Amino acid sequence: MNLPNKITLLRIALIPVFMIFAFPYPEFMQSISFPGLSFLVKYSDLIALILFVVAASTDAVDGHIARKYNLVTDFGKFLDPIADKLLVTAALLALMCVDKVYAWATMIILIREFIVTGLRLVAGTKGIVIAAGQLGKLKTVFQTAALSVLLAAPVFPAGGEKIVYIIGDILMGIAVLLTIVSGVEYIYKNRKVILESK
C-alpha cells in the first residue's frame, strides 16, 4: 500500500477519535471527578476542531502526493471519497446534536452522498472507477470550510461566537447548493451506468 492510501486510512482512523470529542458528553460525566476527564470535557470543542482540521487536511496531502509522484490508484480513487464522506457525516451529526446545523441541510448532503456512493458501487461491479469531478471537489471544500467554522464557533467568546455561526451558516448554504448541483451533474454524467444496470 502506497503513502497516499496510508494517509487516507489515517483520516478514517481519526474519525472515531474526533467523534469522541465532537459529540456532546452525557451530563453525568461532567460531574465525575476523574483525573483528566474534566480537562477533556472543558476543551472538547477545541480538541474536536483540531482533529477535524487535521483529518480534513490529509485529503489535500494525500491527493498532492499521489499526483506529484504518480501514485494514483483505483483503490485510492475509491477510498478517498469514502473517507471524506465519513468525516463530513460525523461532523454534521455532531453539530446536529447541539442544534448548530439545520437538519434539512444535513439530509440534503447525506442523500447526495448515499446516491453517489451507490452509483460508485454499481460502477465498481462493472470494473468502472468513477473519480470525483471538479464541482464535487469544490463542494467538499465548502463543506469542510463550513464545518470547520461551525466547529470553531464555541471556541470563541460569546460575542464573537454569534458572528462565527453566521459565517458558518453562509458557507453551509453555499455547500448545500454545490451539493445539489454536483449531485445532479454526477448522475447525469454517469447515467449510462444507471441505465445499463436495469
C-alpha atoms as a PDB file:
ATOM      1  CA  MET A   1       0.000   0.000   0.000  1.00  0.00           C
ATOM      2  CA  ASN A   2       1.432   3.364  -1.024  1.00  0.00           C
ATOM      3  CA  LEU A   3       1.786   6.504   1.123  1.00  0.00           C
ATOM      4  CA  PRO A   4      -1.307   8.401  -0.139  1.00  0.00           C
ATOM      5  CA  ASN A   5      -3.536   5.424   0.673  1.00  0.00           C
ATOM      6  CA  LYS A   6      -1.979   5.125   4.136  1.00  0.00           C
ATOM      7  CA  ILE A   7      -2.730   8.808   4.733  1.00  0.00           C
ATOM      8  CA  THR A   8      -6.329   8.226   3.644  1.00  0.00           C
ATOM      9  CA  LEU A   9      -6.599   5.332   6.105  1.00  0.00           C
ATOM     10  CA  LEU A  10      -5.188   7.629   8.795  1.00  0.00           C
ATOM     11  CA  ARG A  11      -8.004  10.090   8.048  1.00  0.00           C
ATOM     12  CA  ILE A  12     -10.547   7.307   8.543  1.00  0.00           C
ATOM     13  CA  ALA A  13      -8.842   6.268  11.805  1.00  0.00           C
ATOM     14  CA  LEU A  14      -9.075   9.858  13.114  1.00  0.00           C
ATOM     15  CA  ILE A  15     -12.856   9.988  12.611  1.00  0.00           C
ATOM     16  CA  PRO A  16     -13.893   7.932  15.689  1.00  0.00           C
ATOM     17  CA  VAL A  17     -11.387   9.897  17.791  1.00  0.00           C
ATOM     18  CA  PHE A  18     -12.940  13.130  16.503  1.00  0.00           C
ATOM     19  CA  MET A  19     -16.399  11.805  17.362  1.00  0.00           C
ATOM     20  CA  ILE A  20     -15.388  11.182  20.984  1.00  0.00           C
ATOM     21  CA  PHE A  21     -14.748  14.901  21.434  1.00  0.00           C
ATOM     22  CA  ALA A  22     -17.272  16.360  18.958  1.00  0.00           C
ATOM     23  CA  PHE A  23     -20.391  14.662  20.269  1.00  0.00           C
ATOM     24  CA  PRO A  24     -21.794  16.144  23.486  1.00  0.00           C
ATOM     25  CA  TYR A  25     -20.888  14.303  26.675  1.00  0.00           C
ATOM     26  CA  PRO A  26     -23.697  12.974  28.908  1.00  0.00           C
ATOM     27  CA  GLU A  27     -24.397  15.310  31.831  1.00  0.00           C
ATOM     28  CA  PHE A  28     -23.327  12.759  34.437  1.00  0.00           C
ATOM     29  CA  MET A  29     -19.792  12.705  33.002  1.00  0.00           C
ATOM     30  CA  GLN A  30     -19.360  16.382  33.761  1.00  0.00           C
ATOM     31  CA  SER A  31     -19.798  15.764  37.475  1.00  0.00           C
ATOM     32  CA  ILE A  32     -17.436  12.780  37.680  1.00  0.00           C
ATOM     33  CA  SER A  33     -14.178  13.584  39.456  1.00  0.00           C
ATOM     34  CA  PHE A  34     -11.661  11.632  37.394  1.00  0.00           C
ATOM     35  CA  PRO A  35      -8.113  12.804  36.542  1.00  0.00           C
ATOM     36  CA  GLY A  36      -8.071  14.286  33.068  1.00  0.00           C
ATOM     37  CA  LEU A  37     -11.802  13.867  32.391  1.00  0.00           C
ATOM     38  CA  SER A  38     -12.723  17.415  33.406  1.00  0.00           C
ATOM     39  CA  PHE A  39      -9.949  18.713  31.117  1.00  0.00           C
ATOM     40  CA  LEU A  40     -11.281  16.692  28.160  1.00  0.00           C
ATOM     41  CA  VAL A  41     -14.842  17.880  28.788  1.00  0.00           C
ATOM     42  CA  LYS A  42     -13.758  21.507  29.165  1.00  0.00           C
ATOM     43  CA  TYR A  43     -11.643  21.563  25.990  1.00  0.00           C
ATOM     44  CA  SER A  44     -13.602  19.024  23.950  1.00  0.00           C
ATOM     45  CA  ASP A  45     -14.721  21.682  21.424  1.00  0.00           C
ATOM     46  CA  LEU A  46     -11.154  22.802  20.763  1.00  0.00           C
ATOM     47  CA  ILE A  47      -9.837  19.236  20.537  1.00  0.00           C
ATOM     48  CA  ALA A  48     -12.654  18.268  18.149  1.00  0.00           C
ATOM     49  CA  LEU A  49     -11.871  21.282  15.957  1.00  0.00           C
ATOM     50  CA  ILE A  50      -8.155  20.430  15.807  1.00  0.00           C
ATOM     51  CA  LEU A  51      -8.876  16.777  14.983  1.00  0.00           C
ATOM     52  CA  PHE A  52     -11.334  17.744  12.244  1.00  0.00           C
ATOM     53  CA  VAL A  53      -8.933  20.237  10.645  1.00  0.00           C
ATOM     54  CA  VAL A  54      -6.058  17.720  10.778  1.00  0.00           C
ATOM     55  CA  ALA A  55      -8.211  14.941   9.320  1.00  0.00           C
ATOM     56  CA  ALA A  56      -9.615  17.205   6.600  1.00  0.00           C
ATOM     57  CA  SER A  57      -6.130  18.477   5.732  1.00  0.00           C
ATOM     58  CA  THR A  58      -4.925  14.958   4.976  1.00  0.00           C
ATOM     59  CA  ASP A  59      -7.302  14.963   1.994  1.00  0.00           C
ATOM     60  CA  ALA A  60      -5.234  17.630   0.261  1.00  0.00           C
ATOM     61  CA  VAL A  61      -1.971  15.994   1.350  1.00  0.00           C
ATOM     62  CA  ASP A  62      -2.705  12.505   0.028  1.00  0.00           C
ATOM     63  CA  GLY A  63      -4.053  13.892  -3.247  1.00  0.00           C
ATOM     64  CA  HIS A  64      -0.996  16.098  -3.755  1.00  0.00           C
ATOM     65  CA  ILE A  65       1.432  13.249  -3.066  1.00  0.00           C
ATOM     66  CA  ALA A  66      -0.498  10.846  -5.305  1.00  0.00           C
ATOM     67  CA  ARG A  67      -0.451  13.255  -8.258  1.00  0.00           C
ATOM     68  CA  LYS A  68       3.104  14.519  -7.780  1.00  0.00           C
ATOM     69  CA  TYR A  69       4.693  11.084  -7.519  1.00  0.00           C
ATOM     70  CA  ASN A  70       2.297   9.292  -9.863  1.00  0.00           C
ATOM     71  CA  LEU A  71       0.860   7.146  -7.059  1.00  0.00           C
ATOM     72  CA  VAL A  72      -2.791   7.414  -8.117  1.00  0.00           C
ATOM     73  CA  THR A  73      -4.516   4.041  -7.752  1.00  0.00           C
ATOM     74  CA  ASP A  74      -8.048   2.731  -8.257  1.00  0.00           C
ATOM     75  CA  PHE A  75      -8.119   1.849  -4.555  1.00  0.00           C
ATOM     76  CA  GLY A  76      -7.210   5.440  -3.683  1.00  0.00           C
ATOM     77  CA  LYS A  77      -9.851   6.835  -6.052  1.00  0.00           C
ATOM     78  CA  PHE A  78     -12.431   4.668  -4.323  1.00  0.00           C
ATOM     79  CA  LEU A  79     -11.271   5.092  -0.713  1.00  0.00           C
ATOM     80  CA  ASP A  80     -10.583   8.840  -0.693  1.00  0.00           C
ATOM     81  CA  PRO A  81     -14.192   9.952  -1.341  1.00  0.00           C
ATOM     82  CA  ILE A  82     -15.432   7.398   1.211  1.00  0.00           C
ATOM     83  CA  ALA A  83     -13.092   8.874   3.843  1.00  0.00           C
ATOM     84  CA  ASP A  84     -14.381  12.380   3.016  1.00  0.00           C
ATOM     85  CA  LYS A  85     -17.992  11.289   3.341  1.00  0.00           C
ATOM     86  CA  LEU A  86     -17.404   9.590   6.682  1.00  0.00           C
ATOM     87  CA  LEU A  87     -15.672  12.673   8.096  1.00  0.00           C
ATOM     88  CA  VAL A  88     -18.358  15.058   6.834  1.00  0.00           C
ATOM     89  CA  THR A  89     -21.146  12.800   8.143  1.00  0.00           C
ATOM     90  CA  ALA A  90     -19.540  12.601  11.591  1.00  0.00           C
ATOM     91  CA  ALA A  91     -19.195  16.398  11.777  1.00  0.00           C
ATOM     92  CA  LEU A  92     -22.751  17.019  10.564  1.00  0.00           C
ATOM     93  CA  LEU A  93     -24.225  14.607  13.102  1.00  0.00           C
ATOM     94  CA  ALA A  94     -22.141  16.114  15.906  1.00  0.00           C
ATOM     95  CA  LEU A  95     -23.330  19.621  15.026  1.00  0.00           C
ATOM     96  CA  MET A  96     -26.944  18.442  14.725  1.00  0.00           C
ATOM     97  CA  CYS A  97     -26.728  17.063  18.274  1.00  0.00           C
ATOM     98  CA  VAL A  98     -26.159  20.605  19.544  1.00  0.00           C
ATOM     99  CA  ASP A  99     -28.554  22.272  17.068  1.00  0.00           C
ATOM    100  CA  LYS A 100     -25.797  24.111  15.196  1.00  0.00           C
ATOM    101  CA  VAL A 101     -26.592  22.823  11.725  1.00  0.00           C
ATOM    102  CA  TYR A 102     -30.009  22.542  10.088  1.00  0.00           C
ATOM    103  CA  ALA A 103     -31.463  19.041   9.733  1.00  0.00           C
ATOM    104  CA  TRP A 104     -32.570  19.741   6.150  1.00  0.00           C
ATOM    105  CA  ALA A 105     -29.017  20.712   5.166  1.00  0.00           C
ATOM    106  CA  THR A 106     -27.699  17.510   6.696  1.00  0.00           C
ATOM    107  CA  MET A 107     -30.322  15.421   4.879  1.00  0.00           C
ATOM    108  CA  ILE A 108     -29.582  17.010   1.503  1.00  0.00           C
ATOM    109  CA  ILE A 109     -25.866  16.374   1.926  1.00  0.00           C
ATOM    110  CA  LEU A 110     -26.316  12.791   3.161  1.00  0.00           C
ATOM    111  CA  ILE A 111     -28.876  11.879   0.483  1.00  0.00           C
ATOM    112  CA  ARG A 112     -26.494  13.101  -2.209  1.00  0.00           C
ATOM    113  CA  GLU A 113     -23.611  11.148  -0.699  1.00  0.00           C
ATOM    114  CA  PHE A 114     -25.659   7.932  -0.455  1.00  0.00           C
ATOM    115  CA  ILE A 115     -26.727   8.263  -4.089  1.00  0.00           C
ATOM    116  CA  VAL A 116     -23.184   8.938  -5.292  1.00  0.00           C
ATOM    117  CA  THR A 117     -21.734   6.111  -3.190  1.00  0.00           C
ATOM    118  CA  GLY A 118     -24.397   3.725  -4.519  1.00  0.00           C
ATOM    119  CA  LEU A 119     -23.593   4.763  -8.070  1.00  0.00           C
ATOM    120  CA  ARG A 120     -19.894   4.181  -7.410  1.00  0.00           C
ATOM    121  CA  LEU A 121     -20.618   0.702  -6.073  1.00  0.00           C
ATOM    122  CA  VAL A 122     -22.703  -0.183  -9.119  1.00  0.00           C
ATOM    123  CA  ALA A 123     -19.947   1.131 -11.387  1.00  0.00           C
ATOM    124  CA  GLY A 124     -17.401  -0.867  -9.400  1.00  0.00           C
ATOM    125  CA  THR A 125     -19.210  -4.117 -10.188  1.00  0.00           C
ATOM    126  CA  LYS A 126     -18.668  -3.303 -13.856  1.00  0.00           C
ATOM    127  CA  GLY A 127     -14.984  -2.575 -13.359  1.00  0.00           C
ATOM    128  CA  ILE A 128     -15.531   1.181 -13.666  1.00  0.00           C
ATOM    129  CA  VAL A 129     -13.922   3.561 -11.183  1.00  0.00           C
ATOM    130  CA  ILE A 130     -15.583   6.974 -11.002  1.00  0.00           C
ATOM    131  CA  ALA A 131     -13.343   9.727  -9.668  1.00  0.00           C
ATOM    132  CA  ALA A 132     -14.694  12.931  -8.100  1.00  0.00           C
ATOM    133  CA  GLY A 133     -15.424  15.781 -10.531  1.00  0.00           C
ATOM    134  CA  GLN A 134     -14.391  19.408 -10.159  1.00  0.00           C
ATOM    135  CA  LEU A 135     -17.785  20.504  -8.807  1.00  0.00           C
ATOM    136  CA  GLY A 136     -17.664  17.641  -6.333  1.00  0.00           C
ATOM    137  CA  LYS A 137     -14.246  18.755  -5.151  1.00  0.00           C
ATOM    138  CA  LEU A 138     -15.463  22.350  -4.797  1.00  0.00           C
ATOM    139  CA  LYS A 139     -18.428  21.057  -2.819  1.00  0.00           C
ATOM    140  CA  THR A 140     -16.042  19.255  -0.491  1.00  0.00           C
ATOM    141  CA  VAL A 141     -14.004  22.436   0.015  1.00  0.00           C
ATOM    142  CA  PHE A 142     -17.070  24.459   1.038  1.00  0.00           C
ATOM    143  CA  GLN A 143     -18.441  21.662   3.212  1.00  0.00           C
ATOM    144  CA  THR A 144     -15.109  21.394   5.006  1.00  0.00           C
ATOM    145  CA  ALA A 145     -14.867  25.171   5.415  1.00  0.00           C
ATOM    146  CA  ALA A 146     -18.438  25.424   6.732  1.00  0.00           C
ATOM    147  CA  LEU A 147     -17.996  22.568   9.188  1.00  0.00           C
ATOM    148  CA  SER A 148     -14.639  23.924  10.375  1.00  0.00           C
ATOM    149  CA  VAL A 149     -16.156  27.343  11.072  1.00  0.00           C
ATOM    150  CA  LEU A 150     -19.204  25.876  12.839  1.00  0.00           C
ATOM    151  CA  LEU A 151     -16.983  23.625  14.955  1.00  0.00           C
ATOM    152  CA  ALA A 152     -14.766  26.610  15.755  1.00  0.00           C
ATOM    153  CA  ALA A 153     -17.628  28.848  16.930  1.00  0.00           C
ATOM    154  CA  PRO A 154     -17.837  27.513  20.538  1.00  0.00           C
ATOM    155  CA  VAL A 155     -14.127  28.251  20.988  1.00  0.00           C
ATOM    156  CA  PHE A 156     -14.777  31.994  20.525  1.00  0.00           C
ATOM    157  CA  PRO A 157     -16.063  34.334  23.268  1.00  0.00           C
ATOM    158  CA  ALA A 158     -19.828  34.811  23.462  1.00  0.00           C
ATOM    159  CA  GLY A 159     -19.882  37.938  21.268  1.00  0.00           C
ATOM    160  CA  GLY A 160     -17.689  36.519  18.534  1.00  0.00           C
ATOM    161  CA  GLU A 161     -19.401  33.152  18.618  1.00  0.00           C
ATOM    162  CA  LYS A 162     -22.601  34.515  17.033  1.00  0.00           C
ATOM    163  CA  ILE A 163     -20.713  36.122  14.146  1.00  0.00           C
ATOM    164  CA  VAL A 164     -18.771  32.903  13.510  1.00  0.00           C
ATOM    165  CA  TYR A 165     -22.020  30.913  13.410  1.00  0.00           C
ATOM    166  CA  ILE A 166     -23.448  33.341  10.830  1.00  0.00           C
ATOM    167  CA  ILE A 167     -20.349  32.903   8.648  1.00  0.00           C
ATOM    168  CA  GLY A 168     -20.646  29.142   9.073  1.00  0.00           C
ATOM    169  CA  ASP A 169     -24.316  29.195   8.037  1.00  0.00           C
ATOM    170  CA  ILE A 170     -23.487  31.189   4.887  1.00  0.00           C
ATOM    171  CA  LEU A 171     -20.731  28.753   3.957  1.00  0.00           C
ATOM    172  CA  MET A 172     -23.051  25.839   4.657  1.00  0.00           C
ATOM    173  CA  GLY A 173     -25.694  27.372   2.375  1.00  0.00           C
ATOM    174  CA  ILE A 174     -23.149  27.537  -0.463  1.00  0.00           C
ATOM    175  CA  ALA A 175     -22.055  23.984   0.326  1.00  0.00           C
ATOM    176  CA  VAL A 176     -25.640  22.701   0.131  1.00  0.00           C
ATOM    177  CA  LEU A 177     -26.166  24.445  -3.216  1.00  0.00           C
ATOM    178  CA  LEU A 178     -22.967  22.902  -4.587  1.00  0.00           C
ATOM    179  CA  THR A 179     -24.048  19.545  -3.143  1.00  0.00           C
ATOM    180  CA  ILE A 180     -27.255  19.642  -5.186  1.00  0.00           C
ATOM    181  CA  VAL A 181     -25.644  20.894  -8.398  1.00  0.00           C
ATOM    182  CA  SER A 182     -22.690  18.496  -8.236  1.00  0.00           C
ATOM    183  CA  GLY A 183     -25.040  15.613  -7.426  1.00  0.00           C
ATOM    184  CA  VAL A 184     -27.193  16.303 -10.480  1.00  0.00           C
ATOM    185  CA  GLU A 185     -24.072  16.651 -12.637  1.00  0.00           C
ATOM    186  CA  TYR A 186     -22.650  13.409 -11.237  1.00  0.00           C
ATOM    187  CA  ILE A 187     -25.824  11.437 -12.009  1.00  0.00           C
ATOM    188  CA  TYR A 188     -26.140  12.952 -15.496  1.00  0.00           C
ATOM    189  CA  LYS A 189     -22.529  12.240 -16.462  1.00  0.00           C
ATOM    190  CA  ASN A 190     -22.796   8.652 -15.252  1.00  0.00           C
ATOM    191  CA  ARG A 191     -26.358   7.964 -16.406  1.00  0.00           C
ATOM    192  CA  LYS A 192     -25.149   5.121 -18.644  1.00  0.00           C
ATOM    193  CA  VAL A 193     -24.038   3.181 -15.566  1.00  0.00           C
ATOM    194  CA  ILE A 194     -27.565   3.535 -14.115  1.00  0.00           C
ATOM    195  CA  LEU A 195     -29.361   2.652 -17.372  1.00  0.00           C
ATOM    196  CA  GLU A 196     -27.139  -0.348 -18.058  1.00  0.00           C
ATOM    197  CA  SER A 197     -27.779  -1.750 -14.586  1.00  0.00           C
ATOM    198  CA  LYS A 198     -31.547  -2.016 -15.115  1.00  0.00           C
END
